[in-house]
Amino acid sequence: MIDPNLILRLAGIGIIVTVVYTLLKTAGREEYAFTVLLAGLAVVLWMTVQVIVELFETIQSLFDLG
């Protein structure tokens, strides 16, 4: 089962990245805004990949494929 805290963390990261991106973009710092966007995306992808790996391990043990 997916952890509800993970969903809240992903949403929180999305909100924070959006706010910081908007502030930097309006301040004329497009380079920094893009860097923040990429960093946020990398963190979210890392968290998602960990959950997907856990899912595949569960499926593997469920069907005794290992």
PDB file of N, CA and C in Angstrom:
ATOM      1  N   MET A   1       0.844  -1.187   0.000  1.00  0.00           N
ATOM      2  CA  MET A   1       0.000   0.000   0.000  1.00  0.00           C
ATOM      3  C   MET A   1       0.883   1.242   0.000  1.00  0.00           C
ATOM      4  N   ILE A   2       0.487   2.217  -0.744  1.00  0.00           N
ATOM      5  CA  ILE A   2       1.274   3.443  -0.837  1.00  0.00           C
ATOM      6  C   ILE A   2       1.100   4.267   0.436  1.00  0.00           C
ATOM      7  N   ASP A   3       2.174   4.841   0.865  1.00  0.00           N
ATOM      8  CA  ASP A   3       2.184   5.647   2.080  1.00  0.00           C
ATOM      9  C   ASP A   3       1.519   6.998   1.805  1.00  0.00           C
ATOM     10  N   PRO A   4       0.495   7.364   2.570  1.00  0.00           N
ATOM     11  CA  PRO A   4      -0.158   8.666   2.346  1.00  0.00           C
ATOM     12  C   PRO A   4       0.797   9.841   2.561  1.00  0.00           C
ATOM     13  N   ASN A   5       1.790   9.646   3.417  1.00  0.00           N
ATOM     14  CA  ASN A   5       2.768  10.709   3.640  1.00  0.00           C
ATOM     15  C   ASN A   5       3.573  11.000   2.380  1.00  0.00           C
ATOM     16  N   LEU A   6       3.796   9.981   1.564  1.00  0.00           N
ATOM     17  CA  LEU A   6       4.526  10.177   0.313  1.00  0.00           C
ATOM     18  C   LEU A   6       3.758  11.107  -0.613  1.00  0.00           C
ATOM     19  N   ILE A   7       2.459  10.917  -0.693  1.00  0.00           N
ATOM     20  CA  ILE A   7       1.638  11.778  -1.551  1.00  0.00           C
ATOM     21  C   ILE A   7       1.696  13.216  -1.062  1.00  0.00           C
ATOM     22  N   LEU A   8       1.618  13.397   0.250  1.00  0.00           N
ATOM     23  CA  LEU A   8       1.686  14.747   0.810  1.00  0.00           C
ATOM     24  C   LEU A   8       3.059  15.380   0.590  1.00  0.00           C
ATOM     25  N   ARG A   9       4.120  14.572   0.715  1.00  0.00           N
ATOM     26  CA  ARG A   9       5.466  15.105   0.464  1.00  0.00           C
ATOM     27  C   ARG A   9       5.630  15.522  -0.990  1.00  0.00           C
ATOM     28  N   LEU A  10       5.139  14.695  -1.914  1.00  0.00           N
ATOM     29  CA  LEU A  10       5.235  15.040  -3.333  1.00  0.00           C
ATOM     30  C   LEU A  10       4.447  16.309  -3.642  1.00  0.00           C
ATOM     31  N   ALA A  11       3.268  16.432  -3.058  1.00  0.00           N
ATOM     32  CA  ALA A  11       2.467  17.638  -3.266  1.00  0.00           C
ATOM     33  C   ALA A  11       3.159  18.856  -2.667  1.00  0.00           C
ATOM     34  N   GLY A  12       3.743  18.694  -1.498  1.00  0.00           N
ATOM     35  CA  GLY A  12       4.467  19.798  -0.858  1.00  0.00           C
ATOM     36  C   GLY A  12       5.658  20.250  -1.680  1.00  0.00           C
ATOM     37  N   ILE A  13       6.405  19.292  -2.211  1.00  0.00           N
ATOM     38  CA  ILE A  13       7.541  19.639  -3.063  1.00  0.00           C
ATOM     39  C   ILE A  13       7.054  20.373  -4.304  1.00  0.00           C
ATOM     40  N   GLY A  14       5.961  19.906  -4.880  1.00  0.00           N
ATOM     41  CA  GLY A  14       5.406  20.565  -6.061  1.00  0.00           C
ATOM     42  C   GLY A  14       4.990  21.995  -5.789  1.00  0.00           C
ATOM     43  N   ILE A  15       4.351  22.221  -4.657  1.00  0.00           N
ATOM     44  CA  ILE A  15       3.921  23.574  -4.303  1.00  0.00           C
ATOM     45  C   ILE A  15       5.118  24.480  -4.058  1.00  0.00           C
ATOM     46  N   ILE A  16       6.099  23.986  -3.308  1.00  0.00           N
ATOM     47  CA  ILE A  16       7.287  24.796  -3.007  1.00  0.00           C
ATOM     48  C   ILE A  16       8.046  25.138  -4.280  1.00  0.00           C
ATOM     49  N   VAL A  17       8.236  24.144  -5.149  1.00  0.00           N
ATOM     50  CA  VAL A  17       8.959  24.388  -6.398  1.00  0.00           C
ATOM     51  C   VAL A  17       8.203  25.391  -7.260  1.00  0.00           C
ATOM     52  N   THR A  18       6.892  25.280  -7.304  1.00  0.00           N
ATOM     53  CA  THR A  18       6.092  26.211  -8.102  1.00  0.00           C
ATOM     54  C   THR A  18       6.218  27.638  -7.594  1.00  0.00           C
ATOM     55  N   VAL A  19       6.149  27.815  -6.281  1.00  0.00           N
ATOM     56  CA  VAL A  19       6.256  29.159  -5.702  1.00  0.00           C
ATOM     57  C   VAL A  19       7.635  29.749  -5.950  1.00  0.00           C
ATOM     58  N   VAL A  20       8.681  28.967  -5.687  1.00  0.00           N
ATOM     59  CA  VAL A  20      10.045  29.473  -5.884  1.00  0.00           C
ATOM     60  C   VAL A  20      10.299  29.759  -7.357  1.00  0.00           C
ATOM     61  N   TYR A  21       9.826  28.880  -8.234  1.00  0.00           N
ATOM     62  CA  TYR A  21       9.989  29.081  -9.671  1.00  0.00           C
ATOM     63  C   TYR A  21       9.324  30.380 -10.117  1.00  0.00           C
ATOM     64  N   THR A  22       8.107  30.607  -9.645  1.00  0.00           N
ATOM     65  CA  THR A  22       7.373  31.821 -10.024  1.00  0.00           C
ATOM     66  C   THR A  22       8.068  33.070  -9.509  1.00  0.00           C
ATOM     67  N   LEU A  23       8.525  33.026  -8.262  1.00  0.00           N
ATOM     68  CA  LEU A  23       9.227  34.183  -7.701  1.00  0.00           C
ATOM     69  C   LEU A  23      10.505  34.495  -8.474  1.00  0.00           C
ATOM     70  N   LEU A  24      11.273  33.464  -8.787  1.00  0.00           N
ATOM     71  CA  LEU A  24      12.518  33.687  -9.520  1.00  0.00           C
ATOM     72  C   LEU A  24      12.243  34.149 -10.950  1.00  0.00           C
ATOM     73  N   LYS A  25      11.223  33.605 -11.563  1.00  0.00           N
ATOM     74  CA  LYS A  25      10.896  33.990 -12.939  1.00  0.00           C
ATOM     75  C   LYS A  25      10.462  35.453 -13.014  1.00  0.00           C
ATOM     76  N   THR A  26       9.659  35.901 -12.049  1.00  0.00           N
ATOM     77  CA  THR A  26       9.219  37.298 -12.064  1.00  0.00           C
ATOM     78  C   THR A  26      10.346  38.242 -11.686  1.00  0.00           C
ATOM     79  N   ALA A  27      11.354  37.735 -10.979  1.00  0.00           N
ATOM     80  CA  ALA A  27      12.497  38.566 -10.611  1.00  0.00           C
ATOM     81  C   ALA A  27      13.528  38.629 -11.733  1.00  0.00           C
ATOM     82  N   GLY A  28      13.274  37.919 -12.825  1.00  0.00           N
ATOM     83  CA  GLY A  28      14.193  37.956 -13.954  1.00  0.00           C
ATOM     84  C   GLY A  28      15.338  36.972 -13.848  1.00  0.00           C
ATOM     85  N   ARG A  29      15.228  36.011 -12.972  1.00  0.00           N
ATOM     86  CA  ARG A  29      16.279  34.999 -12.777  1.00  0.00           C
ATOM     87  C   ARG A  29      15.838  33.671 -13.384  1.00  0.00           C
ATOM     88  N   GLU A  30      15.679  33.673 -14.697  1.00  0.00           N
ATOM     89  CA  GLU A  30      15.176  32.490 -15.375  1.00  0.00           C
ATOM     90  C   GLU A  30      16.110  31.292 -15.221  1.00  0.00           C
ATOM     91  N   GLU A  31      17.425  31.544 -15.175  1.00  0.00           N
ATOM     92  CA  GLU A  31      18.389  30.445 -15.049  1.00  0.00           C
ATOM     93  C   GLU A  31      18.207  29.726 -13.720  1.00  0.00           C
ATOM     94  N   TYR A  32      18.070  30.500 -12.650  1.00  0.00           N
ATOM     95  CA  TYR A  32      17.883  29.908 -11.328  1.00  0.00           C
ATOM     96  C   TYR A  32      16.518  29.230 -11.221  1.00  0.00           C
ATOM     97  N   ALA A  33      15.519  29.815 -11.850  1.00  0.00           N
ATOM     98  CA  ALA A  33      14.183  29.227 -11.831  1.00  0.00           C
ATOM     99  C   ALA A  33      14.202  27.854 -12.502  1.00  0.00           C
ATOM    100  N   PHE A  34      14.895  27.758 -13.619  1.00  0.00           N
ATOM    101  CA  PHE A  34      14.986  26.485 -14.322  1.00  0.00           C
ATOM    102  C   PHE A  34      15.762  25.463 -13.496  1.00  0.00           C
ATOM    103  N   THR A  35      16.812  25.917 -12.799  1.00  0.00           N
ATOM    104  CA  THR A  35      17.588  25.025 -11.944  1.00  0.00           C
ATOM    105  C   THR A  35      16.734  24.489 -10.797  1.00  0.00           C
ATOM    106  N   VAL A  36      15.932  25.354 -10.196  1.00  0.00           N
ATOM    107  CA  VAL A  36      15.032  24.918  -9.121  1.00  0.00           C
ATOM    108  C   VAL A  36      14.024  23.909  -9.661  1.00  0.00           C
ATOM    109  N   LEU A  37      13.517  24.165 -10.844  1.00  0.00           N
ATOM    110  CA  LEU A  37      12.561  23.253 -11.466  1.00  0.00           C
ATOM    111  C   LEU A  37      13.186  21.877 -11.698  1.00  0.00           C
ATOM    112  N   LEU A  38      14.395  21.850 -12.217  1.00  0.00           N
ATOM    113  CA  LEU A  38      15.075  20.574 -12.458  1.00  0.00           C
ATOM    114  C   LEU A  38      15.396  19.849 -11.161  1.00  0.00           C
ATOM    115  N   ALA A  39      15.815  20.594 -10.138  1.00  0.00           N
ATOM    116  CA  ALA A  39      16.117  19.975  -8.848  1.00  0.00           C
ATOM    117  C   ALA A  39      14.859  19.368  -8.231  1.00  0.00           C
ATOM    118  N   GLY A  40      13.758  20.087  -8.296  1.00  0.00           N
ATOM    119  CA  GLY A  40      12.500  19.554  -7.777  1.00  0.00           C
ATOM    120  C   GLY A  40      12.059  18.312  -8.527  1.00  0.00           C
ATOM    121  N   LEU A  41      12.209  18.338  -9.830  1.00  0.00           N
ATOM    122  CA  LEU A  41      11.860  17.179 -10.645  1.00  0.00           C
ATOM    123  C   LEU A  41      12.732  15.976 -10.291  1.00  0.00           C
ATOM    124  N   ALA A  42      14.024  16.208 -10.083  1.00  0.00           N
ATOM    125  CA  ALA A  42      14.935  15.122  -9.727  1.00  0.00           C
ATOM    126  C   ALA A  42      14.557  14.504  -8.380  1.00  0.00           C
ATOM    127  N   VAL A  43      14.209  15.336  -7.414  1.00  0.00           N
ATOM    128  CA  VAL A  43      13.821  14.825  -6.094  1.00  0.00           C
ATOM    129  C   VAL A  43      12.546  13.997  -6.194  1.00  0.00           C
ATOM    130  N   VAL A  44      11.566  14.495  -6.927  1.00  0.00           N
ATOM    131  CA  VAL A  44      10.300  13.767  -7.080  1.00  0.00           C
ATOM    132  C   VAL A  44      10.527  12.455  -7.823  1.00  0.00           C
ATOM    133  N   LEU A  45      11.339  12.469  -8.858  1.00  0.00           N
ATOM    134  CA  LEU A  45      11.632  11.231  -9.585  1.00  0.00           C
ATOM    135  C   LEU A  45      12.342  10.224  -8.697  1.00  0.00           C
ATOM    136  N   TRP A  46      13.280  10.698  -7.874  1.00  0.00           N
ATOM    137  CA  TRP A  46      14.011   9.805  -6.973  1.00  0.00           C
ATOM    138  C   TRP A  46      13.042   9.141  -5.987  1.00  0.00           C
ATOM    139  N   MET A  47      12.137   9.922  -5.427  1.00  0.00           N
ATOM    140  CA  MET A  47      11.165   9.371  -4.482  1.00  0.00           C
ATOM    141  C   MET A  47      10.234   8.379  -5.173  1.00  0.00           C
ATOM    142  N   THR A  48       9.841   8.675  -6.395  1.00  0.00           N
ATOM    143  CA  THR A  48       8.943   7.803  -7.140  1.00  0.00           C
ATOM    144  C   THR A  48       9.635   6.505  -7.543  1.00  0.00           C
ATOM    145  N   VAL A  49      10.886   6.587  -7.942  1.00  0.00           N
ATOM    146  CA  VAL A  49      11.633   5.388  -8.337  1.00  0.00           C
ATOM    147  C   VAL A  49      11.780   4.441  -7.152  1.00  0.00           C
ATOM    148  N   GLN A  50      12.001   4.977  -5.964  1.00  0.00           N
ATOM    149  CA  GLN A  50      12.108   4.123  -4.780  1.00  0.00           C
ATOM    150  C   GLN A  50      10.816   3.348  -4.536  1.00  0.00           C
ATOM    151  N   VAL A  51       9.685   3.988  -4.739  1.00  0.00           N
ATOM    152  CA  VAL A  51       8.393   3.312  -4.552  1.00  0.00           C
ATOM    153  C   VAL A  51       8.182   2.259  -5.638  1.00  0.00           C
ATOM    154  N   ILE A  52       8.587   2.556  -6.865  1.00  0.00           N
ATOM    155  CA  ILE A  52       8.427   1.596  -7.960  1.00  0.00           C
ATOM    156  C   ILE A  52       9.310   0.373  -7.733  1.00  0.00           C
ATOM    157  N   VAL A  53      10.523   0.578  -7.240  1.00  0.00           N
ATOM    158  CA  VAL A  53      11.407  -0.548  -6.930  1.00  0.00           C
ATOM    159  C   VAL A  53      10.785  -1.421  -5.848  1.00  0.00           C
ATOM    160  N   GLU A  54      10.229  -0.783  -4.835  1.00  0.00           N
ATOM    161  CA  GLU A  54       9.553  -1.530  -3.768  1.00  0.00           C
ATOM    162  C   GLU A  54       8.366  -2.321  -4.322  1.00  0.00           C
ATOM    163  N   LEU A  55       7.627  -1.727  -5.244  1.00  0.00           N
ATOM    164  CA  LEU A  55       6.498  -2.416  -5.874  1.00  0.00           C
ATOM    165  C   LEU A  55       6.969  -3.649  -6.637  1.00  0.00           C
ATOM    166  N   PHE A  56       8.035  -3.517  -7.427  1.00  0.00           N
ATOM    167  CA  PHE A  56       8.540  -4.655  -8.188  1.00  0.00           C
ATOM    168  C   PHE A  56       9.062  -5.751  -7.271  1.00  0.00           C
ATOM    169  N   GLU A  57       9.693  -5.382  -6.162  1.00  0.00           N
ATOM    170  CA  GLU A  57      10.162  -6.385  -5.208  1.00  0.00           C
ATOM    171  C   GLU A  57       8.985  -7.125  -4.579  1.00  0.00           C
ATOM    172  N   THR A  58       7.912  -6.414  -4.292  1.00  0.00           N
ATOM    173  CA  THR A  58       6.719  -7.051  -3.733  1.00  0.00           C
ATOM    174  C   THR A  58       6.094  -8.005  -4.739  1.00  0.00           C
ATOM    175  N   ILE A  59       6.004  -7.589  -5.990  1.00  0.00           N
ATOM    176  CA  ILE A  59       5.448  -8.457  -7.034  1.00  0.00           C
ATOM    177  C   ILE A  59       6.327  -9.681  -7.224  1.00  0.00           C
ATOM    178  N   GLN A  60       7.633  -9.485  -7.186  1.00  0.00           N
ATOM    179  CA  GLN A  60       8.559 -10.599  -7.356  1.00  0.00           C
ATOM    180  C   GLN A  60       8.406 -11.612  -6.223  1.00  0.00           C
ATOM    181  N   SER A  61       8.287 -11.137  -4.998  1.00  0.00           N
ATOM    182  CA  SER A  61       8.125 -12.064  -3.877  1.00  0.00           C
ATOM    183  C   SER A  61       6.733 -12.695  -3.868  1.00  0.00           C
ATOM    184  N   LEU A  62       5.731 -11.981  -4.346  1.00  0.00           N
ATOM    185  CA  LEU A  62       4.367 -12.502  -4.376  1.00  0.00           C
ATOM    186  C   LEU A  62       4.251 -13.686  -5.330  1.00  0.00           C
ATOM    187  N   PHE A  63       4.851 -13.571  -6.488  1.00  0.00           N
ATOM    188  CA  PHE A  63       4.781 -14.636  -7.479  1.00  0.00           C
ATOM    189  C   PHE A  63       5.983 -15.570  -7.415  1.00  0.00           C
ATOM    190  N   ASP A  64       6.843 -15.365  -6.429  1.00  0.00           N
ATOM    191  CA  ASP A  64       8.032 -16.192  -6.211  1.00  0.00           C
ATOM    192  C   ASP A  64       8.871 -16.300  -7.483  1.00  0.00           C
ATOM    193  N   LEU A  65       9.188 -15.141  -8.052  1.00  0.00           N
ATOM    194  CA  LEU A  65       9.970 -15.092  -9.284  1.00  0.00           C
ATOM    195  C   LEU A  65      11.468 -15.010  -9.020  1.00  0.00           C
ATOM    196  N   GLY A  66      11.867 -14.861  -7.789  1.00  0.00           N
ATOM    197  CA  GLY A  66      13.270 -14.663  -7.452  1.00  0.00           C
ATOM    198  C   GLY A  66      13.921 -15.942  -7.169  1.00  0.00           C
TER     199      GLY A  66
END
